[in-house]
Amino acid sequence: MKVFTICLLILFSCQKIQNNDSGILSKKKFTTVFKEIHLAEAEFEVNERNGVKNAYDILLSSYNDIYRINKINEKDFKIALDYYAKSPEMLEQIYIDILGDLKQEKTILDQQETN
């Protein structure tokens, strides 16, 4: 019985290592980065509509800041985006999580405004 248990532990340990070595951002990290990118793109749209001449430069700078803060690069993000886009259910859940985060942030901001 102990040998069986040890074999199972080794098997599951190997599977976990393989998943970590896949090069794909974790769902949590991808969700964070994806949300920040969407917010940066929304800011770009507002800036562009308001005639901000360097709106595109601001967007590129935002992308670079997002990647730097999250310790990834554009290639990491694009690989993860391709990976998660292949699973519509997973991508839908990511969007649901992002909307939940944004609702929480809005609630906090609304409370701060009333205080």
C-alpha atoms as a PDB file:
ATOM      1  CA  MET A   1       0.000   0.000   0.000  1.00  0.00           C
ATOM      2  CA  LYS A   2       2.847   2.410   0.820  1.00  0.00           C
ATOM      3  CA  VAL A   3       4.453   1.734  -2.560  1.00  0.00           C
ATOM      4  CA  PHE A   4       1.176   2.516  -4.307  1.00  0.00           C
ATOM      5  CA  THR A   5       0.837   5.782  -2.368  1.00  0.00           C
ATOM      6  CA  ILE A   6       4.410   6.779  -3.171  1.00  0.00           C
ATOM      7  CA  CYS A   7       3.853   6.012  -6.865  1.00  0.00           C
ATOM      8  CA  LEU A   8       0.731   8.185  -6.871  1.00  0.00           C
ATOM      9  CA  LEU A   9       2.600  11.055  -5.207  1.00  0.00           C
ATOM     10  CA  ILE A  10       5.401  10.832  -7.754  1.00  0.00           C
ATOM     11  CA  LEU A  11       2.920  10.669 -10.630  1.00  0.00           C
ATOM     12  CA  PHE A  12       0.992  13.733  -9.447  1.00  0.00           C
ATOM     13  CA  SER A  13       4.208  15.614  -8.705  1.00  0.00           C
ATOM     14  CA  CYS A  14       5.427  15.014 -12.244  1.00  0.00           C
ATOM     15  CA  GLN A  15       2.144  16.214 -13.709  1.00  0.00           C
ATOM     16  CA  LYS A  16       2.299  19.420 -11.693  1.00  0.00           C
ATOM     17  CA  ILE A  17       5.842  20.112 -12.817  1.00  0.00           C
ATOM     18  CA  GLN A  18       4.862  19.602 -16.444  1.00  0.00           C
ATOM     19  CA  ASN A  19       2.012  22.086 -16.117  1.00  0.00           C
ATOM     20  CA  ASN A  20       4.320  24.681 -14.538  1.00  0.00           C
ATOM     21  CA  ASP A  21       6.918  24.182 -17.254  1.00  0.00           C
ATOM     22  CA  SER A  22       4.369  24.646 -20.044  1.00  0.00           C
ATOM     23  CA  GLY A  23       5.195  28.336 -20.308  1.00  0.00           C
ATOM     24  CA  ILE A  24       1.539  29.368 -20.021  1.00  0.00           C
ATOM     25  CA  LEU A  25       0.634  32.075 -17.541  1.00  0.00           C
ATOM     26  CA  SER A  26      -1.512  30.819 -14.693  1.00  0.00           C
ATOM     27  CA  LYS A  27      -5.199  31.600 -14.995  1.00  0.00           C
ATOM     28  CA  LYS A  28      -4.923  34.024 -12.074  1.00  0.00           C
ATOM     29  CA  LYS A  29      -1.972  35.931 -13.532  1.00  0.00           C
ATOM     30  CA  PHE A  30      -3.521  35.949 -17.020  1.00  0.00           C
ATOM     31  CA  THR A  31      -6.793  37.285 -15.584  1.00  0.00           C
ATOM     32  CA  THR A  32      -4.941  40.099 -13.817  1.00  0.00           C
ATOM     33  CA  VAL A  33      -2.941  41.067 -16.909  1.00  0.00           C
ATOM     34  CA  PHE A  34      -5.949  40.737 -19.227  1.00  0.00           C
ATOM     35  CA  LYS A  35      -8.017  43.035 -17.003  1.00  0.00           C
ATOM     36  CA  GLU A  36      -5.246  45.632 -16.884  1.00  0.00           C
ATOM     37  CA  ILE A  37      -4.849  45.491 -20.672  1.00  0.00           C
ATOM     38  CA  HIS A  38      -8.587  45.986 -21.191  1.00  0.00           C
ATOM     39  CA  LEU A  39      -8.520  48.986 -18.858  1.00  0.00           C
ATOM     40  CA  ALA A  40      -5.529  50.448 -20.715  1.00  0.00           C
ATOM     41  CA  GLU A  41      -7.345  49.992 -24.037  1.00  0.00           C
ATOM     42  CA  ALA A  42     -10.468  51.639 -22.620  1.00  0.00           C
ATOM     43  CA  GLU A  43      -8.334  54.585 -21.506  1.00  0.00           C
ATOM     44  CA  PHE A  44      -6.869  54.730 -25.014  1.00  0.00           C
ATOM     45  CA  GLU A  45     -10.365  54.920 -26.543  1.00  0.00           C
ATOM     46  CA  VAL A  46     -11.318  57.769 -24.205  1.00  0.00           C
ATOM     47  CA  ASN A  47      -8.056  59.601 -24.898  1.00  0.00           C
ATOM     48  CA  GLU A  48      -8.498  59.183 -28.642  1.00  0.00           C
ATOM     49  CA  ARG A  49     -12.086  60.487 -28.540  1.00  0.00           C
ATOM     50  CA  ASN A  50     -10.915  63.459 -26.488  1.00  0.00           C
ATOM     51  CA  GLY A  51      -8.255  64.292 -29.054  1.00  0.00           C
ATOM     52  CA  VAL A  52      -5.205  63.375 -26.993  1.00  0.00           C
ATOM     53  CA  LYS A  53      -2.473  63.446 -29.628  1.00  0.00           C
ATOM     54  CA  ASN A  54      -0.183  60.911 -28.006  1.00  0.00           C
ATOM     55  CA  ALA A  55      -2.955  58.456 -27.039  1.00  0.00           C
ATOM     56  CA  TYR A  56      -1.252  55.582 -28.859  1.00  0.00           C
ATOM     57  CA  ASP A  57       2.083  56.288 -27.140  1.00  0.00           C
ATOM     58  CA  ILE A  58       0.307  56.278 -23.775  1.00  0.00           C
ATOM     59  CA  LEU A  59      -1.255  52.909 -24.652  1.00  0.00           C
ATOM     60  CA  LEU A  60       2.113  51.411 -25.589  1.00  0.00           C
ATOM     61  CA  SER A  61       3.616  52.742 -22.377  1.00  0.00           C
ATOM     62  CA  SER A  62       0.729  51.210 -20.420  1.00  0.00           C
ATOM     63  CA  TYR A  63       1.340  47.830 -22.068  1.00  0.00           C
ATOM     64  CA  ASN A  64       5.015  47.988 -21.136  1.00  0.00           C
ATOM     65  CA  ASP A  65       4.170  48.952 -17.544  1.00  0.00           C
ATOM     66  CA  ILE A  66       1.666  46.100 -17.260  1.00  0.00           C
ATOM     67  CA  TYR A  67       4.190  43.574 -18.543  1.00  0.00           C
ATOM     68  CA  ARG A  68       6.958  44.933 -16.298  1.00  0.00           C
ATOM     69  CA  ILE A  69       4.832  45.015 -13.136  1.00  0.00           C
ATOM     70  CA  ASN A  70       3.591  41.470 -13.752  1.00  0.00           C
ATOM     71  CA  LYS A  71       7.093  40.250 -14.704  1.00  0.00           C
ATOM     72  CA  ILE A  72       6.079  38.956 -18.124  1.00  0.00           C
ATOM     73  CA  ASN A  73       6.597  40.073 -21.705  1.00  0.00           C
ATOM     74  CA  GLU A  74       4.319  40.534 -24.688  1.00  0.00           C
ATOM     75  CA  LYS A  75       5.169  37.078 -26.016  1.00  0.00           C
ATOM     76  CA  ASP A  76       4.150  35.460 -22.698  1.00  0.00           C
ATOM     77  CA  PHE A  77       0.846  37.291 -22.819  1.00  0.00           C
ATOM     78  CA  LYS A  78       0.109  36.395 -26.443  1.00  0.00           C
ATOM     79  CA  ILE A  79       0.925  32.712 -25.870  1.00  0.00           C
ATOM     80  CA  ALA A  80      -1.414  32.663 -22.876  1.00  0.00           C
ATOM     81  CA  LEU A  81      -4.125  34.495 -24.818  1.00  0.00           C
ATOM     82  CA  ASP A  82      -3.923  31.922 -27.613  1.00  0.00           C
ATOM     83  CA  TYR A  83      -4.030  29.103 -25.056  1.00  0.00           C
ATOM     84  CA  TYR A  84      -7.056  30.406 -23.133  1.00  0.00           C
ATOM     85  CA  ALA A  85      -8.875  31.423 -26.331  1.00  0.00           C
ATOM     86  CA  LYS A  86      -8.859  27.767 -27.416  1.00  0.00           C
ATOM     87  CA  SER A  87     -11.181  27.042 -24.489  1.00  0.00           C
ATOM     88  CA  PRO A  88     -14.234  29.300 -24.767  1.00  0.00           C
ATOM     89  CA  GLU A  89     -15.569  28.096 -21.413  1.00  0.00           C
ATOM     90  CA  MET A  90     -12.327  28.999 -19.658  1.00  0.00           C
ATOM     91  CA  LEU A  91     -12.124  32.370 -21.405  1.00  0.00           C
ATOM     92  CA  GLU A  92     -15.731  33.093 -20.485  1.00  0.00           C
ATOM     93  CA  GLN A  93     -14.929  32.326 -16.836  1.00  0.00           C
ATOM     94  CA  ILE A  94     -11.942  34.684 -17.034  1.00  0.00           C
ATOM     95  CA  TYR A  95     -14.239  37.459 -18.282  1.00  0.00           C
ATOM     96  CA  ILE A  96     -16.708  36.688 -15.489  1.00  0.00           C
ATOM     97  CA  ASP A  97     -13.875  36.946 -12.960  1.00  0.00           C
ATOM     98  CA  ILE A  98     -12.737  40.255 -14.475  1.00  0.00           C
ATOM     99  CA  LEU A  99     -16.275  41.670 -14.312  1.00  0.00           C
ATOM    100  CA  GLY A 100     -16.522  40.572 -10.682  1.00  0.00           C
ATOM    101  CA  ASP A 101     -13.225  42.300  -9.877  1.00  0.00           C
ATOM    102  CA  LEU A 102     -14.353  45.487 -11.622  1.00  0.00           C
ATOM    103  CA  LYS A 103     -17.661  45.493  -9.735  1.00  0.00           C
ATOM    104  CA  GLN A 104     -15.785  45.144  -6.434  1.00  0.00           C
ATOM    105  CA  GLU A 105     -13.431  47.975  -7.369  1.00  0.00           C
ATOM    106  CA  LYS A 106     -16.384  50.182  -8.349  1.00  0.00           C
ATOM    107  CA  THR A 107     -18.103  49.477  -5.038  1.00  0.00           C
ATOM    108  CA  ILE A 108     -14.942  50.485  -3.159  1.00  0.00           C
ATOM    109  CA  LEU A 109     -14.628  53.692  -5.214  1.00  0.00           C
ATOM    110  CA  ASP A 110     -18.289  54.525  -4.668  1.00  0.00           C
ATOM    111  CA  GLN A 111     -17.864  54.067  -0.908  1.00  0.00           C
ATOM    112  CA  GLN A 112     -14.804  56.323  -0.898  1.00  0.00           C
ATOM    113  CA  GLU A 113     -16.726  59.040  -2.742  1.00  0.00           C
ATOM    114  CA  THR A 114     -19.524  59.002  -0.164  1.00  0.00           C
ATOM    115  CA  ASN A 115     -17.094  59.282   2.767  1.00  0.00           C
END
